[in-house]
């Protein structure tokens, strides 16, 4: 199985600061995932980033985790999120994982 993660910073690419409350970005993220019909989980994290102009910034980021998602859909989602969140870019990582479900009933 493949795990794909999309990292989206919340600082606006022009103003270099977060323009809206984190909850608004989370709602947009959920709507995008729903529209692409992908199962997902996400987390809010802190991180640092070096812009194309060499400037360093720290910001909140959303990290979406997807298991066995279609790579074309991932790329389209990432493009949408990049545009919706007014980002310079978003980061996608992929890796092979061992994943399985356990079911237990009483």
Protein backbone atom coordinates (compact mmCIF):
# COMPACT_ATOMS: atom_id res chain seq x y z
CA UNK A 1 0.00 0.00 0.00
CA UNK A 2 1.03 3.58 -0.58
CA UNK A 3 0.64 6.43 1.88
CA UNK A 4 0.51 9.88 0.34
CA UNK A 5 0.73 13.06 2.37
CA UNK A 6 -0.02 16.59 1.22
CA UNK A 7 1.46 19.43 3.28
CA UNK A 8 -0.28 22.81 2.98
CA UNK A 9 1.01 25.88 4.78
CA UNK A 10 -1.56 28.33 6.08
CA UNK A 11 0.40 31.56 5.61
CA UNK A 12 -0.73 33.46 2.53
CA UNK A 13 1.98 33.54 -0.16
CA UNK A 14 1.70 37.32 -0.60
CA UNK A 15 1.19 38.62 2.95
CA UNK A 16 3.29 35.87 4.60
CA UNK A 17 0.75 35.54 7.42
CA UNK A 18 -2.31 33.41 8.15
CA UNK A 19 -5.33 35.34 6.89
CA UNK A 20 -8.15 33.24 8.41
CA UNK A 21 -8.84 31.09 11.45
CA UNK A 22 -7.47 27.56 11.18
CA UNK A 23 -11.00 26.12 11.33
CA UNK A 24 -11.88 27.82 8.03
CA UNK A 25 -8.93 26.13 6.30
CA UNK A 26 -9.94 22.79 7.84
CA UNK A 27 -13.47 23.16 6.45
CA UNK A 28 -12.09 23.91 2.98
CA UNK A 29 -9.82 20.87 3.24
CA UNK A 30 -12.73 18.61 4.23
CA UNK A 31 -14.84 19.90 1.34
CA UNK A 32 -12.05 19.32 -1.18
CA UNK A 33 -11.52 15.75 0.06
CA UNK A 34 -15.27 15.11 -0.06
CA UNK A 35 -15.52 16.45 -3.62
CA UNK A 36 -12.69 14.13 -4.72
CA UNK A 37 -14.33 11.25 -2.81
CA UNK A 38 -11.14 10.21 -1.02
CA UNK A 39 -10.81 8.76 2.45
CA UNK A 40 -8.45 10.92 4.47
CA UNK A 41 -7.16 11.94 7.83
CA UNK A 42 -5.45 15.21 8.64
CA UNK A 43 -3.48 16.93 11.33
CA UNK A 44 -2.60 20.51 12.15
CA UNK A 45 1.10 21.00 12.74
CA UNK A 46 3.75 23.71 12.99
CA UNK A 47 6.62 23.95 10.56
CA UNK A 48 9.14 26.14 8.81
CA UNK A 49 9.47 26.91 5.13
CA UNK A 50 11.93 28.68 2.85
CA UNK A 51 10.18 30.69 0.15
CA UNK A 52 11.44 30.86 -3.43
CA UNK A 53 12.91 34.30 -2.61
CA UNK A 54 15.00 32.75 0.20
CA UNK A 55 12.91 34.18 3.05
CA UNK A 56 12.30 31.81 5.97
CA UNK A 57 8.93 31.66 7.70
CA UNK A 58 7.28 29.55 10.37
CA UNK A 59 3.62 28.69 10.04
CA UNK A 60 0.80 26.32 10.84
CA UNK A 61 0.27 23.65 8.23
CA UNK A 62 -2.35 21.04 7.45
CA UNK A 63 -1.11 17.56 6.60
CA UNK A 64 -3.51 15.26 4.75
CA UNK A 65 -2.84 11.51 4.85
CA UNK A 66 -4.27 9.34 2.07
CA UNK A 67 -3.92 5.57 1.67
CA UNK A 68 -3.78 4.09 -1.85
CA UNK A 69 -5.14 7.25 -3.41
CA UNK A 70 -5.06 7.65 -7.17
CA UNK A 71 -2.00 9.77 -7.99
CA UNK A 72 -3.84 11.83 -10.63
CA UNK A 73 -6.53 12.70 -8.06
CA UNK A 74 -3.83 13.55 -5.49
CA UNK A 75 -2.17 15.95 -7.94
CA UNK A 76 -5.49 17.61 -8.79
CA UNK A 77 -6.38 17.93 -5.09
CA UNK A 78 -2.97 19.44 -4.37
CA UNK A 79 -3.42 21.98 -7.18
CA UNK A 80 -6.84 22.96 -5.84
CA UNK A 81 -5.58 23.29 -2.26
CA UNK A 82 -2.58 25.31 -3.43
CA UNK A 83 -4.91 27.73 -5.22
CA UNK A 84 -7.60 27.86 -2.51
CA UNK A 85 -5.03 28.53 0.24
CA UNK A 86 -3.07 30.99 -1.95
CA UNK A 87 0.19 29.05 -1.60
CA UNK A 88 3.43 29.28 -3.52
CA UNK A 89 3.43 25.47 -3.57
CA UNK A 90 2.34 22.43 -1.56
CA UNK A 91 4.46 19.38 -0.77
CA UNK A 92 3.46 15.81 -1.64
CA UNK A 93 5.26 12.82 -0.16
CA UNK A 94 4.69 9.16 -1.00
CA UNK A 95 5.90 5.97 0.60
CA UNK A 96 5.19 2.29 0.76
CA UNK A 97 3.61 1.18 4.03
CA UNK A 98 2.26 -1.97 5.59
CA UNK A 99 -1.34 -1.26 6.54
CA UNK A 100 -4.14 -3.52 7.69
CA UNK A 101 -7.37 -3.49 9.64
CA UNK A 102 -8.20 -5.42 12.80
CA UNK A 103 -11.84 -6.22 13.48
CA UNK A 104 -12.97 -7.48 16.87
CA UNK A 105 -16.51 -7.85 18.13
CA UNK A 106 -17.70 -8.65 21.64
